[in-house]
N, C-alpha and C. Protein backbone atom coordinates (compact mmCIF):
# COMPACT_ATOMS: atom_id res chain seq x y z
N MET A 1 19.68 34.05 29.68
CA MET A 1 19.12 32.64 29.15
C MET A 1 19.82 31.53 30.10
N SER A 2 18.98 30.62 30.58
CA SER A 2 19.56 29.61 31.25
C SER A 2 19.70 28.29 30.25
N SER A 3 20.69 27.50 30.55
CA SER A 3 20.91 26.39 29.74
C SER A 3 20.50 25.09 30.56
N GLN A 4 19.86 24.16 29.98
CA GLN A 4 19.37 22.96 30.64
C GLN A 4 20.23 21.81 30.14
N SER A 5 20.67 21.04 31.15
CA SER A 5 21.49 19.83 30.84
C SER A 5 20.60 18.71 30.62
N THR A 6 20.80 17.95 29.62
CA THR A 6 19.98 16.73 29.38
C THR A 6 20.90 15.45 29.77
N SER A 7 22.02 15.51 30.15
CA SER A 7 22.75 14.44 30.53
C SER A 7 22.23 13.89 31.72
N GLY A 8 22.13 12.59 31.84
CA GLY A 8 21.68 11.91 33.01
C GLY A 8 20.15 11.78 33.14
N SER A 9 19.42 12.32 32.17
CA SER A 9 17.99 12.28 32.23
C SER A 9 17.51 10.93 31.88
N SER A 10 16.46 10.52 32.29
CA SER A 10 15.93 9.13 32.08
C SER A 10 14.58 9.31 31.33
N THR A 11 14.62 10.08 30.30
CA THR A 11 13.32 10.15 29.64
C THR A 11 12.96 8.99 28.80
N SER A 12 11.82 8.68 28.81
CA SER A 12 11.34 7.47 28.04
C SER A 12 10.68 8.01 26.69
N HIS A 13 11.13 7.60 25.54
CA HIS A 13 10.53 8.07 24.29
C HIS A 13 9.66 6.86 23.72
N ALA A 14 8.54 7.12 23.24
CA ALA A 14 7.65 6.16 22.62
C ALA A 14 8.35 5.59 21.33
N GLY A 15 8.23 4.26 21.28
CA GLY A 15 8.84 3.62 20.15
C GLY A 15 10.35 3.20 20.24
N SER A 16 10.95 3.52 21.44
CA SER A 16 12.16 3.13 21.62
C SER A 16 12.38 1.68 21.90
N ASN A 17 13.56 1.12 21.55
CA ASN A 17 13.80 -0.27 21.75
C ASN A 17 14.74 -0.53 22.98
N GLY A 18 14.68 0.30 23.90
CA GLY A 18 15.52 0.17 24.96
C GLY A 18 15.06 -0.88 26.04
N PRO A 19 15.69 -0.91 27.23
CA PRO A 19 15.34 -1.82 28.24
C PRO A 19 13.88 -1.48 28.67
N GLY A 20 13.11 -2.62 28.81
CA GLY A 20 11.79 -2.59 29.16
C GLY A 20 10.81 -2.31 28.02
N SER A 21 11.30 -2.12 26.86
CA SER A 21 10.53 -2.00 25.61
C SER A 21 9.77 -3.33 25.24
N ASN A 22 8.53 -3.19 24.81
CA ASN A 22 7.82 -4.27 24.37
C ASN A 22 7.95 -4.51 22.82
N ALA A 23 8.82 -3.95 22.18
CA ALA A 23 9.06 -4.04 20.73
C ALA A 23 9.61 -5.37 20.45
N GLN A 24 9.05 -5.93 19.40
CA GLN A 24 9.58 -7.26 18.95
C GLN A 24 10.69 -7.02 17.82
N ALA A 25 11.70 -8.04 17.99
CA ALA A 25 12.83 -7.95 16.91
C ALA A 25 12.24 -8.39 15.64
N VAL A 26 12.84 -8.03 14.49
CA VAL A 26 12.37 -8.45 13.20
C VAL A 26 12.47 -9.97 13.12
N GLY A 27 11.57 -10.68 12.67
CA GLY A 27 11.43 -12.14 12.56
C GLY A 27 10.87 -12.80 13.80
N ASP A 28 10.43 -12.04 14.73
CA ASP A 28 9.94 -12.64 16.02
C ASP A 28 8.35 -12.43 16.11
N GLY A 29 7.75 -13.08 14.98
CA GLY A 29 6.11 -13.01 14.94
C GLY A 29 5.66 -14.22 15.90
N PRO A 30 4.32 -14.26 16.04
CA PRO A 30 3.77 -15.26 16.85
C PRO A 30 4.14 -16.66 16.30
N ASP A 31 4.21 -16.84 15.04
CA ASP A 31 4.56 -18.18 14.43
C ASP A 31 5.98 -18.55 14.38
N GLY A 32 6.86 -17.57 14.81
CA GLY A 32 8.33 -17.84 14.84
C GLY A 32 8.95 -17.54 13.43
N HIS A 33 8.22 -17.18 12.44
CA HIS A 33 8.83 -16.96 11.17
C HIS A 33 8.68 -15.54 10.65
N GLY A 34 8.40 -14.63 11.63
CA GLY A 34 8.36 -13.22 11.16
C GLY A 34 6.98 -12.81 10.62
N HIS A 35 6.05 -13.73 10.72
CA HIS A 35 4.64 -13.30 10.21
C HIS A 35 3.79 -13.01 11.38
N ASP A 36 2.98 -11.94 11.18
CA ASP A 36 2.10 -11.58 12.24
C ASP A 36 0.77 -12.15 12.08
N GLU A 37 -0.18 -11.85 13.12
CA GLU A 37 -1.53 -12.58 13.03
C GLU A 37 -2.35 -12.06 11.87
N LEU A 38 -2.13 -10.87 11.34
CA LEU A 38 -3.11 -10.22 10.38
C LEU A 38 -2.79 -10.88 9.02
N GLY A 39 -1.48 -11.32 8.87
CA GLY A 39 -1.22 -11.83 7.45
C GLY A 39 -0.84 -10.85 6.37
N HIS A 40 -1.09 -9.58 6.56
CA HIS A 40 -0.86 -8.42 5.63
C HIS A 40 -1.42 -8.94 4.26
N GLY A 41 -2.51 -9.61 4.13
CA GLY A 41 -3.01 -9.82 2.94
C GLY A 41 -2.47 -10.95 2.08
N HIS A 42 -1.91 -11.86 2.89
CA HIS A 42 -1.25 -13.04 2.20
C HIS A 42 -2.32 -14.11 2.02
N SER A 43 -3.19 -13.78 1.07
CA SER A 43 -4.33 -14.76 0.84
C SER A 43 -4.62 -14.67 -0.62
N ILE A 44 -5.35 -15.77 -1.01
CA ILE A 44 -5.83 -15.92 -2.35
C ILE A 44 -6.79 -14.70 -2.70
N ALA A 45 -7.58 -14.37 -1.80
CA ALA A 45 -8.57 -13.26 -2.10
C ALA A 45 -7.87 -11.88 -2.13
N ALA A 46 -6.86 -11.74 -1.42
CA ALA A 46 -6.17 -10.41 -1.37
C ALA A 46 -5.36 -10.33 -2.84
N TRP A 47 -4.74 -11.35 -3.14
CA TRP A 47 -3.89 -11.40 -4.40
C TRP A 47 -4.81 -11.19 -5.50
N ALA A 48 -5.86 -11.86 -5.59
CA ALA A 48 -6.83 -11.73 -6.69
C ALA A 48 -7.40 -10.37 -6.81
N GLY A 49 -7.70 -9.85 -5.67
CA GLY A 49 -8.26 -8.54 -5.58
C GLY A 49 -7.24 -7.45 -6.16
N VAL A 50 -5.98 -7.59 -5.66
CA VAL A 50 -5.08 -6.58 -5.94
C VAL A 50 -4.61 -6.70 -7.43
N THR A 51 -4.44 -7.95 -7.93
CA THR A 51 -4.09 -8.21 -9.26
C THR A 51 -5.18 -7.63 -10.28
N THR A 52 -6.45 -7.92 -10.06
CA THR A 52 -7.49 -7.42 -10.75
C THR A 52 -7.57 -5.87 -10.76
N CYS A 53 -7.21 -5.17 -9.62
CA CYS A 53 -7.19 -3.79 -9.48
C CYS A 53 -5.95 -3.21 -10.21
N LEU A 54 -4.84 -3.80 -10.25
CA LEU A 54 -3.74 -3.40 -11.07
C LEU A 54 -4.09 -3.54 -12.63
N VAL A 55 -4.77 -4.53 -12.98
CA VAL A 55 -5.26 -4.58 -14.35
C VAL A 55 -6.15 -3.44 -14.84
N GLY A 56 -7.07 -3.15 -13.85
CA GLY A 56 -7.97 -2.02 -14.06
C GLY A 56 -7.19 -0.75 -14.20
N PHE A 57 -6.16 -0.46 -13.30
CA PHE A 57 -5.36 0.76 -13.44
C PHE A 57 -4.55 0.72 -14.76
N LEU A 58 -4.17 -0.37 -15.11
CA LEU A 58 -3.36 -0.41 -16.42
C LEU A 58 -4.26 0.04 -17.51
N ILE A 59 -5.50 -0.51 -17.65
CA ILE A 59 -6.37 -0.26 -18.63
C ILE A 59 -6.78 1.34 -18.52
N LEU A 60 -7.03 1.88 -17.40
CA LEU A 60 -7.37 3.21 -17.15
C LEU A 60 -6.15 4.04 -17.52
N SER A 61 -4.94 3.68 -17.30
CA SER A 61 -3.70 4.47 -17.64
C SER A 61 -3.60 4.47 -19.23
N LEU A 62 -3.85 3.40 -19.85
CA LEU A 62 -3.87 3.46 -21.19
C LEU A 62 -4.87 4.28 -21.86
N ALA A 63 -5.99 4.36 -21.23
CA ALA A 63 -7.10 5.19 -21.79
C ALA A 63 -6.71 6.64 -21.58
N VAL A 64 -5.80 6.96 -20.67
CA VAL A 64 -5.40 8.37 -20.52
C VAL A 64 -4.31 8.64 -21.60
N VAL A 65 -3.34 7.69 -21.77
CA VAL A 65 -2.37 7.96 -22.70
C VAL A 65 -2.91 8.00 -24.16
N PHE A 66 -3.74 7.10 -24.56
CA PHE A 66 -4.39 7.08 -25.77
C PHE A 66 -5.85 7.41 -25.54
N PRO A 67 -6.22 8.69 -25.53
CA PRO A 67 -7.43 9.23 -25.14
C PRO A 67 -8.73 8.35 -25.70
N SER A 68 -9.29 7.72 -24.72
CA SER A 68 -10.47 6.86 -25.09
C SER A 68 -11.47 6.85 -23.82
N LEU A 69 -12.63 7.36 -24.04
CA LEU A 69 -13.61 7.30 -22.90
C LEU A 69 -14.11 5.86 -22.62
N THR A 70 -14.22 5.05 -23.62
CA THR A 70 -14.67 3.76 -23.51
C THR A 70 -13.71 2.99 -22.70
N TRP A 71 -12.35 3.05 -23.06
CA TRP A 71 -11.38 2.21 -22.19
C TRP A 71 -11.26 2.81 -20.84
N GLY A 72 -11.57 4.08 -20.53
CA GLY A 72 -11.51 4.75 -19.26
C GLY A 72 -12.72 4.07 -18.52
N ILE A 73 -13.84 4.06 -18.99
CA ILE A 73 -14.94 3.50 -18.30
C ILE A 73 -14.75 1.97 -18.05
N ILE A 74 -14.18 1.33 -18.96
CA ILE A 74 -13.90 -0.11 -18.67
C ILE A 74 -12.96 -0.31 -17.54
N GLY A 75 -11.80 0.44 -17.50
CA GLY A 75 -10.82 0.40 -16.48
C GLY A 75 -11.45 0.66 -15.13
N GLY A 76 -12.32 1.73 -15.07
CA GLY A 76 -13.04 2.02 -13.79
C GLY A 76 -13.83 0.92 -13.26
N VAL A 77 -14.58 0.24 -14.25
CA VAL A 77 -15.36 -0.77 -13.86
C VAL A 77 -14.57 -1.93 -13.40
N VAL A 78 -13.50 -2.24 -14.00
CA VAL A 78 -12.46 -3.31 -13.60
C VAL A 78 -11.97 -3.08 -12.11
N ILE A 79 -11.63 -1.77 -11.79
CA ILE A 79 -11.18 -1.40 -10.51
C ILE A 79 -12.25 -1.74 -9.45
N VAL A 80 -13.58 -1.23 -9.82
CA VAL A 80 -14.66 -1.45 -8.89
C VAL A 80 -14.87 -3.03 -8.68
N ALA A 81 -14.80 -3.67 -9.77
CA ALA A 81 -14.99 -5.09 -9.80
C ALA A 81 -13.96 -5.83 -8.94
N SER A 82 -12.73 -5.30 -8.80
CA SER A 82 -11.63 -5.92 -8.09
C SER A 82 -11.87 -6.07 -6.56
N MET A 83 -12.82 -4.91 -6.06
CA MET A 83 -13.26 -4.92 -4.67
C MET A 83 -14.24 -6.13 -4.38
N VAL A 84 -14.99 -6.19 -5.38
CA VAL A 84 -15.99 -7.31 -5.38
C VAL A 84 -15.43 -8.73 -5.43
N VAL A 85 -14.39 -8.88 -6.27
CA VAL A 85 -13.65 -10.20 -6.35
C VAL A 85 -12.97 -10.50 -5.09
N GLY A 86 -12.26 -9.53 -4.41
CA GLY A 86 -11.64 -9.83 -3.17
C GLY A 86 -12.62 -10.10 -2.05
N GLY A 87 -13.70 -9.38 -1.97
CA GLY A 87 -14.67 -9.59 -0.91
C GLY A 87 -15.38 -10.84 -1.11
N VAL A 88 -15.80 -11.28 -2.31
CA VAL A 88 -16.47 -12.60 -2.61
C VAL A 88 -15.56 -13.80 -2.23
N LEU A 89 -14.22 -13.71 -2.67
CA LEU A 89 -13.36 -14.74 -2.35
C LEU A 89 -13.10 -14.86 -0.90
N ALA A 90 -13.05 -13.72 -0.24
CA ALA A 90 -12.89 -13.78 1.22
C ALA A 90 -14.14 -14.55 1.87
N LYS A 91 -15.29 -14.11 1.50
CA LYS A 91 -16.50 -14.62 2.05
C LYS A 91 -16.51 -16.16 1.69
N MET A 92 -15.93 -16.64 0.58
CA MET A 92 -15.95 -18.07 0.24
C MET A 92 -14.83 -18.80 1.02
N GLY A 93 -14.14 -18.22 1.93
CA GLY A 93 -13.10 -18.84 2.61
C GLY A 93 -11.71 -18.83 2.17
N TYR A 94 -11.50 -17.85 1.21
CA TYR A 94 -10.01 -17.72 0.76
C TYR A 94 -9.29 -16.49 1.28
N GLY A 95 -9.89 -16.02 2.33
CA GLY A 95 -9.27 -14.81 3.05
C GLY A 95 -8.11 -15.22 3.99
N VAL A 96 -7.68 -14.30 4.64
CA VAL A 96 -6.43 -14.58 5.60
C VAL A 96 -6.67 -15.73 6.48
N LYS A 97 -7.76 -15.87 7.08
CA LYS A 97 -7.99 -17.05 8.01
C LYS A 97 -9.11 -17.77 7.65
N GLY A 98 -9.34 -18.03 6.27
CA GLY A 98 -10.47 -18.70 5.77
C GLY A 98 -10.31 -20.23 5.75
N LYS A 99 -11.30 -20.90 5.53
CA LYS A 99 -11.37 -22.33 5.65
C LYS A 99 -10.59 -23.02 4.56
N ASN A 100 -10.45 -22.26 3.34
CA ASN A 100 -9.65 -22.78 2.16
C ASN A 100 -8.37 -22.42 2.15
N THR A 101 -7.68 -21.77 3.11
CA THR A 101 -6.36 -21.33 3.01
C THR A 101 -5.49 -22.32 3.86
N ARG A 102 -4.19 -22.32 3.58
CA ARG A 102 -3.42 -23.21 4.38
C ARG A 102 -3.11 -22.81 5.70
């Protein structure tokens, strides 16, 4: 068997933060405050959609704990409605780069 020495190798690894890397440090977003262009859903539409979805999952979970088909269907409808709520608010300008957001 032959042994290979890795000392002195100049292998570049993807994702490394060494010299010549294009990785940004934490807090170095385009706006200087650590936020990126996408916003990660920091909008009224995203918050309303996620909150509505969480309420739907709560109702659905309670329908499992206390067996009830009616409440299970209601929870499912609320979850589907949450996607509509987020989409409609985004179209109304309350999305990440909407006309009604700061």
